[in-house]
Amino acid sequence: MRILVTGANSHLAQPLLPRLLERPGVEEVIGLDWRPVTFPHPRFRFIRSDIRAPDLREHLEGVDTVVHLAFIVLGTALGRRRRERNLMRSINLEGSRNLFTAAREAGVKHVVYPSSAAVYGAWPDNPVPLTEDAPRRPMPGFGYSEDKAAVEFWLDSFEREAETPVVTRLRMHAVVGPGSQPLLNRIARTRLYIRAPEPPPVQCLWENDAVDAILRALATPVSGAFNIAGSGPRPLPDLIQRHHRRAWGLPYRPAEATHRLLWRVTPRLGDPGWLAGLRYPLVVDCERAARVLNWRPNYSVANCVDLCRGQPYPTDPRGAPET
């Protein structure tokens, strides 16, 4: 098997690449990214390219499976151009369309696409939990949520066309861990939360569990969407109080206004719009992934927060106790 990983320099690619090369039958892993990747392994090959490139099909010739990780999560990845929403949309949406089309033309059999639970949006009328047939209602102003949903809506039509690859959509919740987005790790460590009459339960996903889901999807090439998240969702104040005596609730409107102001001068806070996702529930049911992919999380939401706050990190990804 020859596997191509787009976004080979991304946060999730770092723990994924060595696991892919450990798999029996993997002849070669090809990493594709617009930034250099240093990963010394005799069966790893790097291609420097953009997923929007017109010659992308050439890099997919002879590839059996694609893992599509190339996606701008936060505008901070664009540096000084982080406020150029059209650029982010071009990479995420047009780049993904180009990749899927090139994969079909090159005869790729299977694409594993880590989508996001953000396609559902966090809304006051969300049932707890959400199953895969719930409506996709992305958060306005949160570019990542909008773009992940736009790619999925486009895939709905693409997959009905002839000779398309099998596309496995993994709707992952926010991924935390040693190599994950710094902003998400900071949220897991914060004492602050958005005040609400009844704080909604929150969910996240440990990075090793995210990698395990991709590996399970590779072993079971089946089309459709699968929710992927940690077990045991809890309100954020409860999680904070596992480590601090007090949690500090912030009213949403002042917090949102301050966030928009500070975003203009610092990239550390992430894009405007994501903060709204902390106001209402976004909890997903992962039963379909358990039943079809034989995937279950090894880490609960509490495990994720504990590990982000500096408790000993187990060497075995299955070593974190369920609490």
C-alpha atoms as a PDB file:
ATOM      1  CA  MET A   1       0.000   0.000   0.000  1.00  0.00           C
ATOM      2  CA  ARG A   2       1.159   3.529  -0.826  1.00  0.00           C
ATOM      3  CA  ILE A   3      -0.382   6.255   1.326  1.00  0.00           C
ATOM      4  CA  LEU A   4      -0.213   9.993   0.665  1.00  0.00           C
ATOM      5  CA  VAL A   5      -0.758  12.391   3.571  1.00  0.00           C
ATOM      6  CA  THR A   6      -1.610  15.983   2.740  1.00  0.00           C
ATOM      7  CA  GLY A   7      -0.699  18.534   5.387  1.00  0.00           C
ATOM      8  CA  ALA A   8       2.318  16.427   6.372  1.00  0.00           C
ATOM      9  CA  ASN A   9       3.602  19.292   8.526  1.00  0.00           C
ATOM     10  CA  SER A  10       0.322  19.654  10.414  1.00  0.00           C
ATOM     11  CA  HIS A  11      -0.167  19.036  14.122  1.00  0.00           C
ATOM     12  CA  LEU A  12      -1.944  15.709  13.652  1.00  0.00           C
ATOM     13  CA  ALA A  13       0.523  14.458  11.032  1.00  0.00           C
ATOM     14  CA  GLN A  14       3.363  14.398  13.557  1.00  0.00           C
ATOM     15  CA  PRO A  15       1.988  11.486  15.623  1.00  0.00           C
ATOM     16  CA  LEU A  16       0.336   9.899  12.566  1.00  0.00           C
ATOM     17  CA  LEU A  17       3.340   9.446  10.246  1.00  0.00           C
ATOM     18  CA  PRO A  18       5.334   7.025  12.422  1.00  0.00           C
ATOM     19  CA  ARG A  19       2.205   4.984  13.156  1.00  0.00           C
ATOM     20  CA  LEU A  20       1.473   4.674   9.424  1.00  0.00           C
ATOM     21  CA  LEU A  21       4.978   3.396   8.731  1.00  0.00           C
ATOM     22  CA  GLU A  22       4.576   0.745  11.428  1.00  0.00           C
ATOM     23  CA  ARG A  23       1.609  -0.798   9.615  1.00  0.00           C
ATOM     24  CA  PRO A  24       2.211  -4.111   7.825  1.00  0.00           C
ATOM     25  CA  GLY A  25       1.947  -3.843   4.068  1.00  0.00           C
ATOM     26  CA  VAL A  26       2.706  -0.113   3.841  1.00  0.00           C
ATOM     27  CA  GLU A  27       5.298   0.171   1.085  1.00  0.00           C
ATOM     28  CA  GLU A  28       5.649   3.950   1.152  1.00  0.00           C
ATOM     29  CA  VAL A  29       4.206   6.997   2.884  1.00  0.00           C
ATOM     30  CA  ILE A  30       4.303  10.228   0.883  1.00  0.00           C
ATOM     31  CA  GLY A  31       4.000  13.519   2.722  1.00  0.00           C
ATOM     32  CA  LEU A  32       2.716  16.549   0.833  1.00  0.00           C
ATOM     33  CA  ASP A  33       2.857  20.063   2.279  1.00  0.00           C
ATOM     34  CA  TRP A  34       3.738  23.598   1.259  1.00  0.00           C
ATOM     35  CA  ARG A  35       6.226  23.740   4.149  1.00  0.00           C
ATOM     36  CA  PRO A  36       9.296  21.481   4.440  1.00  0.00           C
ATOM     37  CA  VAL A  37       8.927  18.274   6.420  1.00  0.00           C
ATOM     38  CA  THR A  38      11.888  16.581   8.092  1.00  0.00           C
ATOM     39  CA  PHE A  39      11.032  13.001   8.857  1.00  0.00           C
ATOM     40  CA  PRO A  40      13.943  10.613   8.332  1.00  0.00           C
ATOM     41  CA  HIS A  41      12.600   7.221   7.364  1.00  0.00           C
ATOM     42  CA  PRO A  42      13.609   5.072   4.393  1.00  0.00           C
ATOM     43  CA  ARG A  43       9.967   4.575   3.342  1.00  0.00           C
ATOM     44  CA  PHE A  44       8.919   8.204   3.707  1.00  0.00           C
ATOM     45  CA  ARG A  45       9.087  10.617   0.791  1.00  0.00           C
ATOM     46  CA  PHE A  46       8.274  14.318   0.894  1.00  0.00           C
ATOM     47  CA  ILE A  47       6.733  16.405  -1.878  1.00  0.00           C
ATOM     48  CA  ARG A  48       6.596  20.172  -1.486  1.00  0.00           C
ATOM     49  CA  SER A  49       3.382  21.302  -3.117  1.00  0.00           C
ATOM     50  CA  ASP A  50       0.088  23.099  -2.557  1.00  0.00           C
ATOM     51  CA  ILE A  51      -3.173  21.119  -2.666  1.00  0.00           C
ATOM     52  CA  ARG A  52      -4.466  23.800  -5.042  1.00  0.00           C
ATOM     53  CA  ALA A  53      -1.686  23.062  -7.567  1.00  0.00           C
ATOM     54  CA  PRO A  54      -2.945  22.164 -11.072  1.00  0.00           C
ATOM     55  CA  ASP A  55      -0.421  19.307 -11.322  1.00  0.00           C
ATOM     56  CA  LEU A  56      -1.587  17.627  -8.099  1.00  0.00           C
ATOM     57  CA  ARG A  57      -2.797  14.551  -9.986  1.00  0.00           C
ATOM     58  CA  GLU A  58       0.800  13.689 -10.928  1.00  0.00           C
ATOM     59  CA  HIS A  59       1.683  13.243  -7.260  1.00  0.00           C
ATOM     60  CA  LEU A  60      -1.265  10.883  -6.762  1.00  0.00           C
ATOM     61  CA  GLU A  61      -0.395   8.410  -9.503  1.00  0.00           C
ATOM     62  CA  GLY A  62       0.120   4.967  -7.975  1.00  0.00           C
ATOM     63  CA  VAL A  63      -1.275   6.020  -4.587  1.00  0.00           C
ATOM     64  CA  ASP A  64      -3.786   3.660  -3.002  1.00  0.00           C
ATOM     65  CA  THR A  65      -5.036   5.818  -0.117  1.00  0.00           C
ATOM     66  CA  VAL A  66      -5.001   9.509   0.794  1.00  0.00           C
ATOM     67  CA  VAL A  67      -5.263  10.944   4.292  1.00  0.00           C
ATOM     68  CA  HIS A  68      -6.347  14.556   3.835  1.00  0.00           C
ATOM     69  CA  LEU A  69      -5.043  16.669   6.724  1.00  0.00           C
ATOM     70  CA  ALA A  70      -4.199  19.855   4.788  1.00  0.00           C
ATOM     71  CA  PHE A  71      -6.615  22.394   6.229  1.00  0.00           C
ATOM     72  CA  ILE A  72      -6.234  25.822   7.825  1.00  0.00           C
ATOM     73  CA  VAL A  73      -7.734  25.527  11.298  1.00  0.00           C
ATOM     74  CA  LEU A  74      -6.955  29.029  12.532  1.00  0.00           C
ATOM     75  CA  GLY A  75      -5.926  32.019  10.481  1.00  0.00           C
ATOM     76  CA  THR A  76      -2.773  32.213  12.582  1.00  0.00           C
ATOM     77  CA  ALA A  77      -1.265  29.605  10.251  1.00  0.00           C
ATOM     78  CA  LEU A  78      -1.276  32.295   7.552  1.00  0.00           C
ATOM     79  CA  GLY A  79       0.918  34.658   9.595  1.00  0.00           C
ATOM     80  CA  ARG A  80       0.397  38.284   8.704  1.00  0.00           C
ATOM     81  CA  ARG A  81      -2.328  37.299   6.249  1.00  0.00           C
ATOM     82  CA  ARG A  82      -4.465  35.701   8.977  1.00  0.00           C
ATOM     83  CA  ARG A  83      -7.323  38.138   8.410  1.00  0.00           C
ATOM     84  CA  GLU A  84      -7.639  37.273   4.706  1.00  0.00           C
ATOM     85  CA  ARG A  85     -10.727  35.103   4.908  1.00  0.00           C
ATOM     86  CA  ASN A  86     -10.796  34.520   1.150  1.00  0.00           C
ATOM     87  CA  LEU A  87      -7.290  33.032   1.277  1.00  0.00           C
ATOM     88  CA  MET A  88      -8.280  30.612   4.032  1.00  0.00           C
ATOM     89  CA  ARG A  89     -11.409  29.593   2.109  1.00  0.00           C
ATOM     90  CA  SER A  90      -9.379  29.110  -1.074  1.00  0.00           C
ATOM     91  CA  ILE A  91      -6.971  26.709   0.628  1.00  0.00           C
ATOM     92  CA  ASN A  92      -9.620  24.807   2.549  1.00  0.00           C
ATOM     93  CA  LEU A  93     -12.450  24.581   0.048  1.00  0.00           C
ATOM     94  CA  GLU A  94     -10.858  24.964  -3.381  1.00  0.00           C
ATOM     95  CA  GLY A  95      -7.827  22.958  -2.300  1.00  0.00           C
ATOM     96  CA  SER A  96      -9.984  20.104  -1.011  1.00  0.00           C
ATOM     97  CA  ARG A  97     -12.065  20.072  -4.193  1.00  0.00           C
ATOM     98  CA  ASN A  98      -8.881  19.938  -6.254  1.00  0.00           C
ATOM     99  CA  LEU A  99      -7.521  17.078  -4.150  1.00  0.00           C
ATOM    100  CA  PHE A 100     -10.643  14.912  -4.308  1.00  0.00           C
ATOM    101  CA  THR A 101     -10.998  15.481  -8.050  1.00  0.00           C
ATOM    102  CA  ALA A 102      -7.314  14.672  -8.661  1.00  0.00           C
ATOM    103  CA  ALA A 103      -7.637  11.546  -6.512  1.00  0.00           C
ATOM    104  CA  ARG A 104     -10.513  10.307  -8.652  1.00  0.00           C
ATOM    105  CA  GLU A 105      -8.606  11.001 -11.873  1.00  0.00           C
ATOM    106  CA  ALA A 106      -5.519   9.184 -10.546  1.00  0.00           C
ATOM    107  CA  GLY A 107      -7.523   6.120  -9.526  1.00  0.00           C
ATOM    108  CA  VAL A 108      -7.094   6.487  -5.748  1.00  0.00           C
ATOM    109  CA  LYS A 109      -9.349   3.944  -4.051  1.00  0.00           C
ATOM    110  CA  HIS A 110      -9.851   5.455  -0.582  1.00  0.00           C
ATOM    111  CA  VAL A 111      -9.651   8.899   1.027  1.00  0.00           C
ATOM    112  CA  VAL A 112      -9.752   9.314   4.791  1.00  0.00           C
ATOM    113  CA  TYR A 113     -10.934  12.840   5.484  1.00  0.00           C
ATOM    114  CA  PRO A 114     -10.691  14.083   9.085  1.00  0.00           C
ATOM    115  CA  SER A 115     -13.612  16.472   9.029  1.00  0.00           C
ATOM    116  CA  SER A 116     -14.821  18.099  12.240  1.00  0.00           C
ATOM    117  CA  ALA A 117     -17.636  18.075  14.755  1.00  0.00           C
ATOM    118  CA  ALA A 118     -17.667  21.826  14.050  1.00  0.00           C
ATOM    119  CA  VAL A 119     -19.846  21.082  10.995  1.00  0.00           C
ATOM    120  CA  TYR A 120     -22.795  20.740  13.421  1.00  0.00           C
ATOM    121  CA  GLY A 121     -22.154  24.047  15.165  1.00  0.00           C
ATOM    122  CA  ALA A 122     -22.842  24.762  18.836  1.00  0.00           C
ATOM    123  CA  TRP A 123     -26.480  25.844  19.108  1.00  0.00           C
ATOM    124  CA  PRO A 124     -28.925  26.218  22.005  1.00  0.00           C
ATOM    125  CA  ASP A 125     -31.327  23.662  20.484  1.00  0.00           C
ATOM    126  CA  ASN A 126     -28.681  20.987  19.865  1.00  0.00           C
ATOM    127  CA  PRO A 127     -29.703  17.609  21.267  1.00  0.00           C
ATOM    128  CA  VAL A 128     -27.157  15.940  23.534  1.00  0.00           C
ATOM    129  CA  PRO A 129     -25.647  13.940  21.974  1.00  0.00           C
ATOM    130  CA  LEU A 130     -25.654  14.574  18.223  1.00  0.00           C
ATOM    131  CA  THR A 131     -25.628  11.646  15.825  1.00  0.00           C
ATOM    132  CA  GLU A 132     -24.217  11.719  12.299  1.00  0.00           C
ATOM    133  CA  ASP A 133     -27.619  12.451  10.749  1.00  0.00           C
ATOM    134  CA  ALA A 134     -27.963  15.738  12.669  1.00  0.00           C
ATOM    135  CA  PRO A 135     -28.150  18.864  10.472  1.00  0.00           C
ATOM    136  CA  ARG A 136     -24.874  20.559   9.635  1.00  0.00           C
ATOM    137  CA  ARG A 137     -25.149  24.158  10.857  1.00  0.00           C
ATOM    138  CA  PRO A 138     -21.671  25.733  10.997  1.00  0.00           C
ATOM    139  CA  MET A 139     -20.944  28.687  13.261  1.00  0.00           C
ATOM    140  CA  PRO A 140     -21.148  32.005  11.351  1.00  0.00           C
ATOM    141  CA  GLY A 141     -17.848  33.854  11.547  1.00  0.00           C
ATOM    142  CA  PHE A 142     -15.842  30.766  12.493  1.00  0.00           C
ATOM    143  CA  GLY A 143     -13.976  30.092   9.255  1.00  0.00           C
ATOM    144  CA  TYR A 144     -12.902  26.553  10.114  1.00  0.00           C
ATOM    145  CA  SER A 145     -16.483  25.511  10.922  1.00  0.00           C
ATOM    146  CA  GLU A 146     -17.815  27.150   7.757  1.00  0.00           C
ATOM    147  CA  ASP A 147     -15.157  25.572   5.537  1.00  0.00           C
ATOM    148  CA  LYS A 148     -15.431  22.060   6.984  1.00  0.00           C
ATOM    149  CA  ALA A 149     -19.189  22.162   6.393  1.00  0.00           C
ATOM    150  CA  ALA A 150     -18.723  23.553   2.870  1.00  0.00           C
ATOM    151  CA  VAL A 151     -16.375  20.698   1.954  1.00  0.00           C
ATOM    152  CA  GLU A 152     -18.875  18.163   3.282  1.00  0.00           C
ATOM    153  CA  PHE A 153     -21.775  19.696   1.350  1.00  0.00           C
ATOM    154  CA  TRP A 154     -19.647  19.549  -1.795  1.00  0.00           C
ATOM    155  CA  LEU A 155     -18.699  15.929  -1.059  1.00  0.00           C
ATOM    156  CA  ASP A 156     -22.395  15.025  -0.886  1.00  0.00           C
ATOM    157  CA  SER A 157     -22.603  15.680  -4.626  1.00  0.00           C
ATOM    158  CA  PHE A 158     -19.094  14.514  -5.523  1.00  0.00           C
ATOM    159  CA  GLU A 159     -19.616  11.061  -4.034  1.00  0.00           C
ATOM    160  CA  ARG A 160     -22.687  10.482  -6.193  1.00  0.00           C
ATOM    161  CA  GLU A 161     -20.571  10.753  -9.337  1.00  0.00           C
ATOM    162  CA  ALA A 162     -19.050   7.743 -11.087  1.00  0.00           C
ATOM    163  CA  GLU A 163     -15.683   6.218 -10.146  1.00  0.00           C
ATOM    164  CA  THR A 164     -15.139   8.333  -7.062  1.00  0.00           C
ATOM    165  CA  PRO A 165     -12.965   6.938  -4.262  1.00  0.00           C
ATOM    166  CA  VAL A 166     -14.482   5.681  -1.040  1.00  0.00           C
ATOM    167  CA  VAL A 167     -14.503   8.702   1.296  1.00  0.00           C
ATOM    168  CA  THR A 168     -14.494   8.133   5.058  1.00  0.00           C
ATOM    169  CA  ARG A 169     -15.387  11.302   6.942  1.00  0.00           C
ATOM    170  CA  LEU A 170     -14.138  11.407  10.529  1.00  0.00           C
ATOM    171  CA  ARG A 171     -15.949  14.234  12.318  1.00  0.00           C
ATOM    172  CA  MET A 172     -13.364  14.815  15.014  1.00  0.00           C
ATOM    173  CA  HIS A 173     -13.935  16.967  18.056  1.00  0.00           C
ATOM    174  CA  ALA A 174     -11.284  19.469  19.202  1.00  0.00           C
ATOM    175  CA  VAL A 175      -7.963  17.599  19.349  1.00  0.00           C
ATOM    176  CA  VAL A 176      -5.669  18.252  22.310  1.00  0.00           C
ATOM    177  CA  GLY A 177      -2.294  16.769  23.198  1.00  0.00           C
ATOM    178  CA  PRO A 178       1.445  17.483  23.162  1.00  0.00           C
ATOM    179  CA  GLY A 179       1.547  18.222  19.433  1.00  0.00           C
ATOM    180  CA  SER A 180      -1.887  19.799  19.016  1.00  0.00           C
ATOM    181  CA  GLN A 181      -3.007  23.375  18.391  1.00  0.00           C
ATOM    182  CA  PRO A 182      -1.600  25.539  21.229  1.00  0.00           C
ATOM    183  CA  LEU A 183      -4.892  27.435  21.514  1.00  0.00           C
ATOM    184  CA  LEU A 184      -6.874  24.252  22.161  1.00  0.00           C
ATOM    185  CA  ASN A 185      -4.382  23.131  24.791  1.00  0.00           C
ATOM    186  CA  ARG A 186      -4.643  26.550  26.461  1.00  0.00           C
ATOM    187  CA  ILE A 187      -8.443  26.247  26.587  1.00  0.00           C
ATOM    188  CA  ALA A 188      -8.056  22.860  28.293  1.00  0.00           C
ATOM    189  CA  ARG A 189      -5.833  24.498  30.922  1.00  0.00           C
ATOM    190  CA  THR A 190      -7.771  27.706  31.506  1.00  0.00           C
ATOM    191  CA  ARG A 191      -9.704  28.711  34.633  1.00  0.00           C
ATOM    192  CA  LEU A 192     -12.128  30.713  32.489  1.00  0.00           C
ATOM    193  CA  TYR A 193     -15.418  29.659  30.945  1.00  0.00           C
ATOM    194  CA  ILE A 194     -18.390  31.359  29.302  1.00  0.00           C
ATOM    195  CA  ARG A 195     -21.085  31.963  31.875  1.00  0.00           C
ATOM    196  CA  ALA A 196     -24.465  30.332  31.271  1.00  0.00           C
ATOM    197  CA  PRO A 197     -27.449  29.445  33.489  1.00  0.00           C
ATOM    198  CA  GLU A 198     -26.493  25.805  32.972  1.00  0.00           C
ATOM    199  CA  PRO A 199     -22.934  25.452  31.591  1.00  0.00           C
ATOM    200  CA  PRO A 200     -23.104  23.011  28.667  1.00  0.00           C
ATOM    201  CA  PRO A 201     -21.058  19.815  28.655  1.00  0.00           C
ATOM    202  CA  VAL A 202     -17.882  20.007  26.607  1.00  0.00           C
ATOM    203  CA  GLN A 203     -16.023  17.369  24.657  1.00  0.00           C
ATOM    204  CA  CYS A 204     -12.564  17.021  23.175  1.00  0.00           C
ATOM    205  CA  LEU A 205     -10.293  14.310  21.755  1.00  0.00           C
ATOM    206  CA  TRP A 206      -6.792  13.202  22.708  1.00  0.00           C
ATOM    207  CA  GLU A 207      -4.406  13.191  19.728  1.00  0.00           C
ATOM    208  CA  ASN A 208      -3.537   9.480  20.047  1.00  0.00           C
ATOM    209  CA  ASP A 209      -7.227   8.631  19.856  1.00  0.00           C
ATOM    210  CA  ALA A 210      -7.490  10.796  16.733  1.00  0.00           C
ATOM    211  CA  VAL A 211      -4.618   8.859  15.145  1.00  0.00           C
ATOM    212  CA  ASP A 212      -6.232   5.562  16.148  1.00  0.00           C
ATOM    213  CA  ALA A 213      -9.442   6.636  14.392  1.00  0.00           C
ATOM    214  CA  ILE A 214      -7.540   7.312  11.165  1.00  0.00           C
ATOM    215  CA  LEU A 215      -5.830   3.920  11.368  1.00  0.00           C
ATOM    216  CA  ARG A 216      -9.166   2.202  11.973  1.00  0.00           C
ATOM    217  CA  ALA A 217     -10.630   3.994   8.960  1.00  0.00           C
ATOM    218  CA  LEU A 218      -7.696   2.859   6.810  1.00  0.00           C
ATOM    219  CA  ALA A 219      -8.357  -0.725   7.853  1.00  0.00           C
ATOM    220  CA  THR A 220     -12.091  -0.411   7.124  1.00  0.00           C
ATOM    221  CA  PRO A 221     -12.599   1.484   3.853  1.00  0.00           C
ATOM    222  CA  VAL A 222     -16.255   2.428   4.153  1.00  0.00           C
ATOM    223  CA  SER A 223     -17.991   5.608   3.049  1.00  0.00           C
ATOM    224  CA  GLY A 224     -19.948   7.859   5.367  1.00  0.00           C
ATOM    225  CA  ALA A 225     -19.499  10.081   8.410  1.00  0.00           C
ATOM    226  CA  PHE A 226     -18.319   8.999  11.854  1.00  0.00           C
ATOM    227  CA  ASN A 227     -18.268  11.094  15.017  1.00  0.00           C
ATOM    228  CA  ILE A 228     -14.942  10.876  16.854  1.00  0.00           C
ATOM    229  CA  ALA A 229     -14.622  12.299  20.390  1.00  0.00           C
ATOM    230  CA  GLY A 230     -13.558  11.547  23.938  1.00  0.00           C
ATOM    231  CA  SER A 231     -15.968   9.894  26.337  1.00  0.00           C
ATOM    232  CA  GLY A 232     -17.587  11.428  29.412  1.00  0.00           C
ATOM    233  CA  PRO A 233     -18.445  15.018  28.390  1.00  0.00           C
ATOM    234  CA  ARG A 234     -18.653  17.389  31.354  1.00  0.00           C
ATOM    235  CA  PRO A 235     -19.333  21.094  31.950  1.00  0.00           C
ATOM    236  CA  LEU A 236     -16.138  23.110  31.744  1.00  0.00           C
ATOM    237  CA  PRO A 237     -16.438  24.493  35.325  1.00  0.00           C
ATOM    238  CA  ASP A 238     -16.475  20.917  36.633  1.00  0.00           C
ATOM    239  CA  LEU A 239     -13.324  20.098  34.700  1.00  0.00           C
ATOM    240  CA  ILE A 240     -11.590  23.267  35.902  1.00  0.00           C
ATOM    241  CA  GLN A 241     -12.437  22.510  39.512  1.00  0.00           C
ATOM    242  CA  ARG A 242     -10.606  19.203  39.296  1.00  0.00           C
ATOM    243  CA  HIS A 243      -7.442  21.329  39.441  1.00  0.00           C
ATOM    244  CA  HIS A 244      -8.445  24.739  40.849  1.00  0.00           C
ATOM    245  CA  ARG A 245     -10.673  25.730  43.725  1.00  0.00           C
ATOM    246  CA  ARG A 246     -12.383  28.388  41.638  1.00  0.00           C
ATOM    247  CA  ALA A 247     -13.481  28.711  38.033  1.00  0.00           C
ATOM    248  CA  TRP A 248     -14.112  32.182  36.613  1.00  0.00           C
ATOM    249  CA  GLY A 249     -17.263  32.650  34.542  1.00  0.00           C
ATOM    250  CA  LEU A 250     -17.212  35.392  31.905  1.00  0.00           C
ATOM    251  CA  PRO A 251     -20.325  36.969  30.331  1.00  0.00           C
ATOM    252  CA  TYR A 252     -20.317  36.166  26.637  1.00  0.00           C
ATOM    253  CA  ARG A 253     -20.850  39.597  25.084  1.00  0.00           C
ATOM    254  CA  PRO A 254     -17.942  41.393  26.824  1.00  0.00           C
ATOM    255  CA  ALA A 255     -15.706  38.355  26.296  1.00  0.00           C
ATOM    256  CA  GLU A 256     -16.583  38.235  22.598  1.00  0.00           C
ATOM    257  CA  ALA A 257     -15.989  41.993  22.122  1.00  0.00           C
ATOM    258  CA  THR A 258     -12.630  41.790  23.911  1.00  0.00           C
ATOM    259  CA  HIS A 259     -11.632  38.784  21.845  1.00  0.00           C
ATOM    260  CA  ARG A 260     -12.374  40.573  18.567  1.00  0.00           C
ATOM    261  CA  LEU A 261     -10.375  43.592  19.688  1.00  0.00           C
ATOM    262  CA  LEU A 262      -7.343  41.595  20.802  1.00  0.00           C
ATOM    263  CA  TRP A 263      -7.418  39.400  17.693  1.00  0.00           C
ATOM    264  CA  ARG A 264      -6.412  42.432  15.651  1.00  0.00           C
ATOM    265  CA  VAL A 265      -3.126  42.739  17.513  1.00  0.00           C
ATOM    266  CA  THR A 266      -2.247  39.165  18.529  1.00  0.00           C
ATOM    267  CA  PRO A 267      -2.738  35.772  16.842  1.00  0.00           C
ATOM    268  CA  ARG A 268      -2.752  33.891  20.172  1.00  0.00           C
ATOM    269  CA  LEU A 269      -6.512  34.036  20.650  1.00  0.00           C
ATOM    270  CA  GLY A 270      -7.580  32.480  17.379  1.00  0.00           C
ATOM    271  CA  ASP A 271     -10.162  33.643  14.849  1.00  0.00           C
ATOM    272  CA  PRO A 272     -13.323  35.550  15.746  1.00  0.00           C
ATOM    273  CA  GLY A 273     -16.282  33.228  15.830  1.00  0.00           C
ATOM    274  CA  TRP A 274     -14.867  30.195  17.611  1.00  0.00           C
ATOM    275  CA  LEU A 275     -15.693  31.633  21.029  1.00  0.00           C
ATOM    276  CA  ALA A 276     -19.399  31.213  20.270  1.00  0.00           C
ATOM    277  CA  GLY A 277     -18.809  27.470  20.274  1.00  0.00           C
ATOM    278  CA  LEU A 278     -18.344  27.557  24.054  1.00  0.00           C
ATOM    279  CA  ARG A 279     -21.809  28.984  24.761  1.00  0.00           C
ATOM    280  CA  TYR A 280     -23.937  26.002  23.799  1.00  0.00           C
ATOM    281  CA  PRO A 281     -23.587  22.209  23.680  1.00  0.00           C
ATOM    282  CA  LEU A 282     -21.667  20.405  20.965  1.00  0.00           C
ATOM    283  CA  VAL A 283     -21.565  16.811  22.162  1.00  0.00           C
ATOM    284  CA  VAL A 284     -21.446  13.933  19.694  1.00  0.00           C
ATOM    285  CA  ASP A 285     -22.411  10.268  19.870  1.00  0.00           C
ATOM    286  CA  CYS A 286     -19.603   7.948  18.686  1.00  0.00           C
ATOM    287  CA  GLU A 287     -21.575   4.707  18.622  1.00  0.00           C
ATOM    288  CA  ARG A 288     -21.416   4.406  14.824  1.00  0.00           C
ATOM    289  CA  ALA A 289     -17.605   4.578  14.884  1.00  0.00           C
ATOM    290  CA  ALA A 290     -17.575   1.869  17.565  1.00  0.00           C
ATOM    291  CA  ARG A 291     -19.928  -0.365  15.598  1.00  0.00           C
ATOM    292  CA  VAL A 292     -18.516   0.054  12.079  1.00  0.00           C
ATOM    293  CA  LEU A 293     -14.861   1.030  12.566  1.00  0.00           C
ATOM    294  CA  ASN A 294     -14.340  -0.757  15.882  1.00  0.00           C
ATOM    295  CA  TRP A 295     -13.014   2.535  17.287  1.00  0.00           C
ATOM    296  CA  ARG A 296     -13.486   3.653  20.866  1.00  0.00           C
ATOM    297  CA  PRO A 297     -11.660   6.426  22.725  1.00  0.00           C
ATOM    298  CA  ASN A 298      -9.036   5.402  25.234  1.00  0.00           C
ATOM    299  CA  TYR A 299      -9.149   8.829  26.889  1.00  0.00           C
ATOM    300  CA  SER A 300     -12.108  10.491  28.551  1.00  0.00           C
ATOM    301  CA  VAL A 301     -12.606  14.255  28.431  1.00  0.00           C
ATOM    302  CA  ALA A 302     -11.361  14.395  32.038  1.00  0.00           C
ATOM    303  CA  ASN A 303      -8.232  12.434  31.030  1.00  0.00           C
ATOM    304  CA  CYS A 304      -7.566  14.994  28.274  1.00  0.00           C
ATOM    305  CA  VAL A 305      -7.826  17.939  30.663  1.00  0.00           C
ATOM    306  CA  ASP A 306      -5.705  16.216  33.308  1.00  0.00           C
ATOM    307  CA  LEU A 307      -2.949  15.464  30.809  1.00  0.00           C
ATOM    308  CA  CYS A 308      -3.039  18.991  29.367  1.00  0.00           C
ATOM    309  CA  ARG A 309      -2.580  20.298  32.905  1.00  0.00           C
ATOM    310  CA  GLY A 310       0.653  18.418  33.397  1.00  0.00           C
ATOM    311  CA  GLN A 311      -0.230  15.102  34.947  1.00  0.00           C
ATOM    312  CA  PRO A 312       2.152  12.298  33.894  1.00  0.00           C
ATOM    313  CA  TYR A 313       1.828  11.405  30.240  1.00  0.00           C
ATOM    314  CA  PRO A 314       1.576   7.612  29.752  1.00  0.00           C
ATOM    315  CA  THR A 315       3.941   6.014  27.278  1.00  0.00           C
ATOM    316  CA  ASP A 316       1.203   3.607  26.209  1.00  0.00           C
ATOM    317  CA  PRO A 317      -1.671   5.509  24.542  1.00  0.00           C
ATOM    318  CA  ARG A 318      -4.035   3.078  26.242  1.00  0.00           C
ATOM    319  CA  GLY A 319      -2.539   3.731  29.659  1.00  0.00           C
ATOM    320  CA  ALA A 320      -4.682   6.694  30.725  1.00  0.00           C
ATOM    321  CA  PRO A 321      -7.305   5.576  33.228  1.00  0.00           C
ATOM    322  CA  GLU A 322     -10.946   6.285  32.529  1.00  0.00           C
ATOM    323  CA  THR A 323     -12.289   8.673  35.199  1.00  0.00           C
END
